Amino acid sequence: GLQLHGTRKRIKNLYLRIKPPLGTVEVSAPMRMSQRQIIGFAHERHSWIVQQQRRMAEARRMSLRQGGTVAPPPPAPLKI
């Protein structure tokens, strides 16, 4: 059920980031890594990803209560 925004780069390691404010999941993967490996990596980290997204959602709610603003929604996910 996760949406990944992925980029293949000339790098050695796979990087997984949860981007604020909306908890977007971004993956940077080596060119040689298969889509199956990337998706498997994200599945292994599923509980951590969900936990981080919940933390960001709570921080966003607190900010809105205090008069803050929320960024516009992210662009559509890229197919990897």
PDB file of N, CA and C in Angstrom:
ATOM      1  N   GLY A   1       0.773  -1.193   0.000  1.00  0.00           N
ATOM      2  CA  GLY A   1       0.000   0.000   0.000  1.00  0.00           C
ATOM      3  C   GLY A   1       0.823   1.271   0.000  1.00  0.00           C
ATOM      4  N   LEU A   2       2.153   1.176  -0.061  1.00  0.00           N
ATOM      5  CA  LEU A   2       2.980   2.383  -0.070  1.00  0.00           C
ATOM      6  C   LEU A   2       3.198   2.881  -1.487  1.00  0.00           C
ATOM      7  N   GLN A   3       3.267   4.190  -1.632  1.00  0.00           N
ATOM      8  CA  GLN A   3       3.643   4.790  -2.906  1.00  0.00           C
ATOM      9  C   GLN A   3       5.086   5.236  -2.791  1.00  0.00           C
ATOM     10  N   LEU A   4       5.915   4.761  -3.710  1.00  0.00           N
ATOM     11  CA  LEU A   4       7.320   5.135  -3.727  1.00  0.00           C
ATOM     12  C   LEU A   4       7.579   6.099  -4.870  1.00  0.00           C
ATOM     13  N   HIS A   5       8.381   7.110  -4.594  1.00  0.00           N
ATOM     14  CA  HIS A   5       8.877   7.996  -5.631  1.00  0.00           C
ATOM     15  C   HIS A   5      10.326   7.584  -5.832  1.00  0.00           C
ATOM     16  N   GLY A   6      10.642   7.028  -6.988  1.00  0.00           N
ATOM     17  CA  GLY A   6      11.964   6.457  -7.168  1.00  0.00           C
ATOM     18  C   GLY A   6      12.793   7.124  -8.234  1.00  0.00           C
ATOM     19  N   THR A   7      14.104   7.088  -8.004  1.00  0.00           N
ATOM     20  CA  THR A   7      15.081   7.597  -8.957  1.00  0.00           C
ATOM     21  C   THR A   7      16.233   6.616  -9.004  1.00  0.00           C
ATOM     22  N   ARG A   8      16.672   6.293 -10.196  1.00  0.00           N
ATOM     23  CA  ARG A   8      17.876   5.476 -10.362  1.00  0.00           C
ATOM     24  C   ARG A   8      19.030   6.415 -10.661  1.00  0.00           C
ATOM     25  N   LYS A   9      20.141   6.180  -9.963  1.00  0.00           N
ATOM     26  CA  LYS A   9      21.297   7.050 -10.097  1.00  0.00           C
ATOM     27  C   LYS A   9      22.571   6.220 -10.147  1.00  0.00           C
ATOM     28  N   ARG A  10      23.642   6.877 -10.478  1.00  0.00           N
ATOM     29  CA  ARG A  10      24.956   6.232 -10.446  1.00  0.00           C
ATOM     30  C   ARG A  10      25.504   6.325  -9.022  1.00  0.00           C
ATOM     31  N   ILE A  11      24.924   5.509  -8.155  1.00  0.00           N
ATOM     32  CA  ILE A  11      25.318   5.464  -6.751  1.00  0.00           C
ATOM     33  C   ILE A  11      25.542   4.007  -6.369  1.00  0.00           C
ATOM     34  N   LYS A  12      26.159   3.774  -5.218  1.00  0.00           N
ATOM     35  CA  LYS A  12      26.460   2.408  -4.787  1.00  0.00           C
ATOM     36  C   LYS A  12      25.394   1.820  -3.872  1.00  0.00           C
ATOM     37  N   ASN A  13      24.728   2.666  -3.104  1.00  0.00           N
ATOM     38  CA  ASN A  13      23.769   2.190  -2.104  1.00  0.00           C
ATOM     39  C   ASN A  13      22.364   2.682  -2.393  1.00  0.00           C
ATOM     40  N   LEU A  14      21.397   1.977  -1.835  1.00  0.00           N
ATOM     41  CA  LEU A  14      20.005   2.377  -1.946  1.00  0.00           C
ATOM     42  C   LEU A  14      19.679   3.288  -0.764  1.00  0.00           C
ATOM     43  N   TYR A  15      19.005   4.397  -1.025  1.00  0.00           N
ATOM     44  CA  TYR A  15      18.640   5.350   0.021  1.00  0.00           C
ATOM     45  C   TYR A  15      17.129   5.489   0.085  1.00  0.00           C
ATOM     46  N   LEU A  16      16.617   5.477   1.298  1.00  0.00           N
ATOM     47  CA  LEU A  16      15.182   5.610   1.543  1.00  0.00           C
ATOM     48  C   LEU A  16      14.984   6.826   2.429  1.00  0.00           C
ATOM     49  N   ARG A  17      14.126   7.752   1.980  1.00  0.00           N
ATOM     50  CA  ARG A  17      13.847   8.963   2.754  1.00  0.00           C
ATOM     51  C   ARG A  17      12.349   9.158   2.887  1.00  0.00           C
ATOM     52  N   ILE A  18      11.965   9.689   4.022  1.00  0.00           N
ATOM     53  CA  ILE A  18      10.582  10.089   4.250  1.00  0.00           C
ATOM     54  C   ILE A  18      10.617  11.612   4.296  1.00  0.00           C
ATOM     55  N   LYS A  19      10.013  12.256   3.312  1.00  0.00           N
ATOM     56  CA  LYS A  19      10.120  13.705   3.158  1.00  0.00           C
ATOM     57  C   LYS A  19       8.945  14.433   3.813  1.00  0.00           C
ATOM     58  N   PRO A  20       9.273  15.408   4.656  1.00  0.00           N
ATOM     59  CA  PRO A  20       8.213  16.239   5.224  1.00  0.00           C
ATOM     60  C   PRO A  20       7.701  17.220   4.171  1.00  0.00           C
ATOM     61  N   PRO A  21       6.559  17.791   4.308  1.00  0.00           N
ATOM     62  CA  PRO A  21       5.671  17.679   5.455  1.00  0.00           C
ATOM     63  C   PRO A  21       4.664  16.548   5.334  1.00  0.00           C
ATOM     64  N   LEU A  22       4.548  15.934   4.144  1.00  0.00           N
ATOM     65  CA  LEU A  22       3.473  14.963   3.932  1.00  0.00           C
ATOM     66  C   LEU A  22       3.895  13.510   4.079  1.00  0.00           C
ATOM     67  N   GLY A  23       5.160  13.241   4.362  1.00  0.00           N
ATOM     68  CA  GLY A  23       5.612  11.869   4.549  1.00  0.00           C
ATOM     69  C   GLY A  23       5.800  11.108   3.258  1.00  0.00           C
ATOM     70  N   THR A  24       6.138  11.804   2.184  1.00  0.00           N
ATOM     71  CA  THR A  24       6.377  11.167   0.894  1.00  0.00           C
ATOM     72  C   THR A  24       7.588  10.243   0.996  1.00  0.00           C
ATOM     73  N   VAL A  25       7.475   9.037   0.434  1.00  0.00           N
ATOM     74  CA  VAL A  25       8.557   8.060   0.476  1.00  0.00           C
ATOM     75  C   VAL A  25       9.370   8.198  -0.806  1.00  0.00           C
ATOM     76  N   GLU A  26      10.655   8.542  -0.658  1.00  0.00           N
ATOM     77  CA  GLU A  26      11.550   8.693  -1.810  1.00  0.00           C
ATOM     78  C   GLU A  26      12.671   7.672  -1.722  1.00  0.00           C
ATOM     79  N   VAL A  27      12.950   7.039  -2.857  1.00  0.00           N
ATOM     80  CA  VAL A  27      14.001   6.037  -2.943  1.00  0.00           C
ATOM     81  C   VAL A  27      14.966   6.455  -4.050  1.00  0.00           C
ATOM     82  N   SER A  28      16.254   6.418  -3.727  1.00  0.00           N
ATOM     83  CA  SER A  28      17.312   6.581  -4.728  1.00  0.00           C
ATOM     84  C   SER A  28      18.021   5.238  -4.788  1.00  0.00           C
ATOM     85  N   ALA A  29      18.086   4.666  -5.984  1.00  0.00           N
ATOM     86  CA  ALA A  29      18.640   3.322  -6.121  1.00  0.00           C
ATOM     87  C   ALA A  29      19.734   3.298  -7.184  1.00  0.00           C
ATOM     88  N   PRO A  30      20.702   2.379  -7.022  1.00  0.00           N
ATOM     89  CA  PRO A  30      21.727   2.212  -8.047  1.00  0.00           C
ATOM     90  C   PRO A  30      21.103   1.739  -9.357  1.00  0.00           C
ATOM     91  N   MET A  31      21.726   2.076 -10.445  1.00  0.00           N
ATOM     92  CA  MET A  31      21.218   1.704 -11.774  1.00  0.00           C
ATOM     93  C   MET A  31      21.061   0.180 -11.910  1.00  0.00           C
ATOM     94  N   ARG A  32      21.950  -0.571 -11.278  1.00  0.00           N
ATOM     95  CA  ARG A  32      21.960  -2.033 -11.430  1.00  0.00           C
ATOM     96  C   ARG A  32      20.883  -2.744 -10.614  1.00  0.00           C
ATOM     97  N   MET A  33      20.249  -2.046  -9.676  1.00  0.00           N
ATOM     98  CA  MET A  33      19.294  -2.677  -8.771  1.00  0.00           C
ATOM     99  C   MET A  33      17.946  -2.876  -9.465  1.00  0.00           C
ATOM    100  N   SER A  34      17.403  -4.072  -9.327  1.00  0.00           N
ATOM    101  CA  SER A  34      16.123  -4.381  -9.973  1.00  0.00           C
ATOM    102  C   SER A  34      14.961  -3.750  -9.198  1.00  0.00           C
ATOM    103  N   GLN A  35      13.863  -3.599  -9.898  1.00  0.00           N
ATOM    104  CA  GLN A  35      12.654  -3.062  -9.266  1.00  0.00           C
ATOM    105  C   GLN A  35      12.202  -3.982  -8.137  1.00  0.00           C
ATOM    106  N   ARG A  36      12.345  -5.267  -8.322  1.00  0.00           N
ATOM    107  CA  ARG A  36      11.966  -6.246  -7.298  1.00  0.00           C
ATOM    108  C   ARG A  36      12.778  -6.029  -6.015  1.00  0.00           C
ATOM    109  N   GLN A  37      14.077  -5.779  -6.146  1.00  0.00           N
ATOM    110  CA  GLN A  37      14.931  -5.530  -4.985  1.00  0.00           C
ATOM    111  C   GLN A  37      14.522  -4.239  -4.268  1.00  0.00           C
ATOM    112  N   ILE A  38      14.218  -3.210  -5.036  1.00  0.00           N
ATOM    113  CA  ILE A  38      13.821  -1.925  -4.461  1.00  0.00           C
ATOM    114  C   ILE A  38      12.521  -2.078  -3.674  1.00  0.00           C
ATOM    115  N   ILE A  39      11.552  -2.736  -4.270  1.00  0.00           N
ATOM    116  CA  ILE A  39      10.262  -2.942  -3.611  1.00  0.00           C
ATOM    117  C   ILE A  39      10.434  -3.827  -2.380  1.00  0.00           C
ATOM    118  N   GLY A  40      11.270  -4.853  -2.474  1.00  0.00           N
ATOM    119  CA  GLY A  40      11.534  -5.716  -1.329  1.00  0.00           C
ATOM    120  C   GLY A  40      12.150  -4.945  -0.170  1.00  0.00           C
ATOM    121  N   PHE A  41      13.076  -4.044  -0.485  1.00  0.00           N
ATOM    122  CA  PHE A  41      13.703  -3.211   0.534  1.00  0.00           C
ATOM    123  C   PHE A  41      12.652  -2.350   1.232  1.00  0.00           C
ATOM    124  N   ALA A  42      11.764  -1.742   0.454  1.00  0.00           N
ATOM    125  CA  ALA A  42      10.705  -0.906   1.034  1.00  0.00           C
ATOM    126  C   ALA A  42       9.764  -1.744   1.901  1.00  0.00           C
ATOM    127  N   HIS A  43       9.445  -2.958   1.468  1.00  0.00           N
ATOM    128  CA  HIS A  43       8.576  -3.835   2.271  1.00  0.00           C
ATOM    129  C   HIS A  43       9.234  -4.197   3.600  1.00  0.00           C
ATOM    130  N   GLU A  44      10.540  -4.449   3.578  1.00  0.00           N
ATOM    131  CA  GLU A  44      11.257  -4.771   4.814  1.00  0.00           C
ATOM    132  C   GLU A  44      11.206  -3.616   5.803  1.00  0.00           C
ATOM    133  N   ARG A  45      11.140  -2.397   5.289  1.00  0.00           N
ATOM    134  CA  ARG A  45      11.156  -1.202   6.138  1.00  0.00           C
ATOM    135  C   ARG A  45       9.760  -0.613   6.357  1.00  0.00           C
ATOM    136  N   HIS A  46       8.723  -1.368   5.995  1.00  0.00           N
ATOM    137  CA  HIS A  46       7.350  -0.867   6.025  1.00  0.00           C
ATOM    138  C   HIS A  46       6.951  -0.282   7.381  1.00  0.00           C
ATOM    139  N   SER A  47       7.218  -1.002   8.469  1.00  0.00           N
ATOM    140  CA  SER A  47       6.783  -0.508   9.776  1.00  0.00           C
ATOM    141  C   SER A  47       7.507   0.788  10.144  1.00  0.00           C
ATOM    142  N   TRP A  48       8.779   0.908   9.803  1.00  0.00           N
ATOM    143  CA  TRP A  48       9.526   2.146  10.070  1.00  0.00           C
ATOM    144  C   TRP A  48       8.951   3.299   9.247  1.00  0.00           C
ATOM    145  N   ILE A  49       8.642   3.041   7.972  1.00  0.00           N
ATOM    146  CA  ILE A  49       8.075   4.073   7.093  1.00  0.00           C
ATOM    147  C   ILE A  49       6.756   4.585   7.668  1.00  0.00           C
ATOM    148  N   VAL A  50       5.870   3.673   8.042  1.00  0.00           N
ATOM    149  CA  VAL A  50       4.562   4.055   8.587  1.00  0.00           C
ATOM    150  C   VAL A  50       4.741   4.851   9.877  1.00  0.00           C
ATOM    151  N   GLN A  51       5.661   4.418  10.722  1.00  0.00           N
ATOM    152  CA  GLN A  51       5.922   5.138  11.972  1.00  0.00           C
ATOM    153  C   GLN A  51       6.376   6.575  11.692  1.00  0.00           C
ATOM    154  N   GLN A  52       7.274   6.759  10.741  1.00  0.00           N
ATOM    155  CA  GLN A  52       7.761   8.099  10.409  1.00  0.00           C
ATOM    156  C   GLN A  52       6.648   8.961   9.811  1.00  0.00           C
ATOM    157  N   GLN A  53       5.813   8.358   8.967  1.00  0.00           N
ATOM    158  CA  GLN A  53       4.701   9.105   8.381  1.00  0.00           C
ATOM    159  C   GLN A  53       3.709   9.540   9.460  1.00  0.00           C
ATOM    160  N   ARG A  54       3.479   8.703  10.444  1.00  0.00           N
ATOM    161  CA  ARG A  54       2.586   9.078  11.545  1.00  0.00           C
ATOM    162  C   ARG A  54       3.172  10.234  12.350  1.00  0.00           C
ATOM    163  N   ARG A  55       4.471  10.182  12.592  1.00  0.00           N
ATOM    164  CA  ARG A  55       5.119  11.266  13.329  1.00  0.00           C
ATOM    165  C   ARG A  55       4.983  12.584  12.568  1.00  0.00           C
ATOM    166  N   MET A  56       5.160  12.543  11.260  1.00  0.00           N
ATOM    167  CA  MET A  56       5.042  13.765  10.452  1.00  0.00           C
ATOM    168  C   MET A  56       3.608  14.270  10.434  1.00  0.00           C
ATOM    169  N   ALA A  57       2.648  13.359  10.366  1.00  0.00           N
ATOM    170  CA  ALA A  57       1.236  13.765  10.373  1.00  0.00           C
ATOM    171  C   ALA A  57       0.894  14.455  11.685  1.00  0.00           C
ATOM    172  N   GLU A  58       1.396  13.909  12.800  1.00  0.00           N
ATOM    173  CA  GLU A  58       1.136  14.518  14.102  1.00  0.00           C
ATOM    174  C   GLU A  58       1.793  15.898  14.194  1.00  0.00           C
ATOM    175  N   ALA A  59       3.012  16.024  13.703  1.00  0.00           N
ATOM    176  CA  ALA A  59       3.696  17.320  13.711  1.00  0.00           C
ATOM    177  C   ALA A  59       2.934  18.329  12.849  1.00  0.00           C
ATOM    178  N   ARG A  60       2.383  17.867  11.728  1.00  0.00           N
ATOM    179  CA  ARG A  60       1.606  18.740  10.846  1.00  0.00           C
ATOM    180  C   ARG A  60       0.337  19.222  11.557  1.00  0.00           C
ATOM    181  N   ARG A  61      -0.329  18.289  12.263  1.00  0.00           N
ATOM    182  CA  ARG A  61      -1.538  18.667  13.006  1.00  0.00           C
ATOM    183  C   ARG A  61      -1.207  19.697  14.085  1.00  0.00           C
ATOM    184  N   MET A  62      -0.122  19.497  14.787  1.00  0.00           N
ATOM    185  CA  MET A  62       0.287  20.439  15.834  1.00  0.00           C
ATOM    186  C   MET A  62       0.598  21.810  15.232  1.00  0.00           C
ATOM    187  N   SER A  63       1.247  21.822  14.081  1.00  0.00           N
ATOM    188  CA  SER A  63       1.578  23.072  13.418  1.00  0.00           C
ATOM    189  C   SER A  63       0.316  23.819  12.997  1.00  0.00           C
ATOM    190  N   LEU A  64      -0.655  23.092  12.463  1.00  0.00           N
ATOM    191  CA  LEU A  64      -1.909  23.724  12.043  1.00  0.00           C
ATOM    192  C   LEU A  64      -2.662  24.292  13.240  1.00  0.00           C
ATOM    193  N   ARG A  65      -2.618  23.600  14.367  1.00  0.00           N
ATOM    194  CA  ARG A  65      -3.275  24.107  15.578  1.00  0.00           C
ATOM    195  C   ARG A  65      -2.639  25.407  16.052  1.00  0.00           C
ATOM    196  N   GLN A  66      -1.347  25.537  15.763  1.00  0.00           N
ATOM    197  CA  GLN A  66      -0.621  26.725  16.195  1.00  0.00           C
ATOM    198  C   GLN A  66      -0.575  27.806  15.114  1.00  0.00           C
ATOM    199  N   GLY A  67      -1.371  27.648  14.064  1.00  0.00           N
ATOM    200  CA  GLY A  67      -1.463  28.660  13.020  1.00  0.00           C
ATOM    201  C   GLY A  67      -0.478  28.508  11.892  1.00  0.00           C
ATOM    202  N   GLY A  68       0.158  27.360  11.774  1.00  0.00           N
ATOM    203  CA  GLY A  68       1.108  27.116  10.684  1.00  0.00           C
ATOM    204  C   GLY A  68       0.392  26.820   9.378  1.00  0.00           C
ATOM    205  N   THR A  69       1.154  26.571   8.336  1.00  0.00           N
ATOM    206  CA  THR A  69       0.600  26.228   7.031  1.00  0.00           C
ATOM    207  C   THR A  69       1.146  24.880   6.587  1.00  0.00           C
ATOM    208  N   VAL A  70       0.487  24.285   5.604  1.00  0.00           N
ATOM    209  CA  VAL A  70       0.902  23.003   5.045  1.00  0.00           C
ATOM    210  C   VAL A  70       1.263  23.217   3.591  1.00  0.00           C
ATOM    211  N   ALA A  71       2.340  22.558   3.154  1.00  0.00           N
ATOM    212  CA  ALA A  71       2.782  22.663   1.763  1.00  0.00           C
ATOM    213  C   ALA A  71       1.764  22.013   0.834  1.00  0.00           C
ATOM    214  N   PRO A  72       1.761  22.395  -0.442  1.00  0.00           N
ATOM    215  CA  PRO A  72       0.844  21.756  -1.408  1.00  0.00           C
ATOM    216  C   PRO A  72       1.196  20.284  -1.580  1.00  0.00           C
ATOM    217  N   PRO A  73       0.267  19.480  -2.094  1.00  0.00           N
ATOM    218  CA  PRO A  73       0.536  18.064  -2.261  1.00  0.00           C
ATOM    219  C   PRO A  73       1.704  17.812  -3.220  1.00  0.00           C
ATOM    220  N   PRO A  74       2.399  16.669  -3.033  1.00  0.00           N
ATOM    221  CA  PRO A  74       3.540  16.365  -3.919  1.00  0.00           C
ATOM    222  C   PRO A  74       3.071  15.988  -5.308  1.00  0.00           C
ATOM    223  N   PRO A  75       3.987  15.995  -6.288  1.00  0.00           N
ATOM    224  CA  PRO A  75       3.608  15.562  -7.639  1.00  0.00           C
ATOM    225  C   PRO A  75       3.297  14.075  -7.666  1.00  0.00           C
ATOM    226  N   ALA A  76       2.694  13.621  -8.742  1.00  0.00           N
ATOM    227  CA  ALA A  76       2.347  12.198  -8.889  1.00  0.00           C
ATOM    228  C   ALA A  76       3.596  11.345  -8.802  1.00  0.00           C
ATOM    229  N   PRO A  77       3.484  10.106  -8.249  1.00  0.00           N
ATOM    230  CA  PRO A  77       4.667   9.240  -8.099  1.00  0.00           C
ATOM    231  C   PRO A  77       5.236   8.806  -9.441  1.00  0.00           C
ATOM    232  N   LEU A  78       6.542   8.593  -9.465  1.00  0.00           N
ATOM    233  CA  LEU A  78       7.221   8.097 -10.657  1.00  0.00           C
ATOM    234  C   LEU A  78       7.226   6.578 -10.624  1.00  0.00           C
ATOM    235  N   LYS A  79       7.104   5.952 -11.769  1.00  0.00           N
ATOM    236  CA  LYS A  79       7.204   4.497 -11.859  1.00  0.00           C
ATOM    237  C   LYS A  79       8.682   4.138 -11.852  1.00  0.00           C
ATOM    238  N   ILE A  80       9.030   3.153 -11.007  1.00  0.00           N
ATOM    239  CA  ILE A  80      10.431   2.720 -10.979  1.00  0.00           C
ATOM    240  C   ILE A  80      10.558   1.302 -11.462  1.00  0.00           C
TER     241      ILE A  80
END
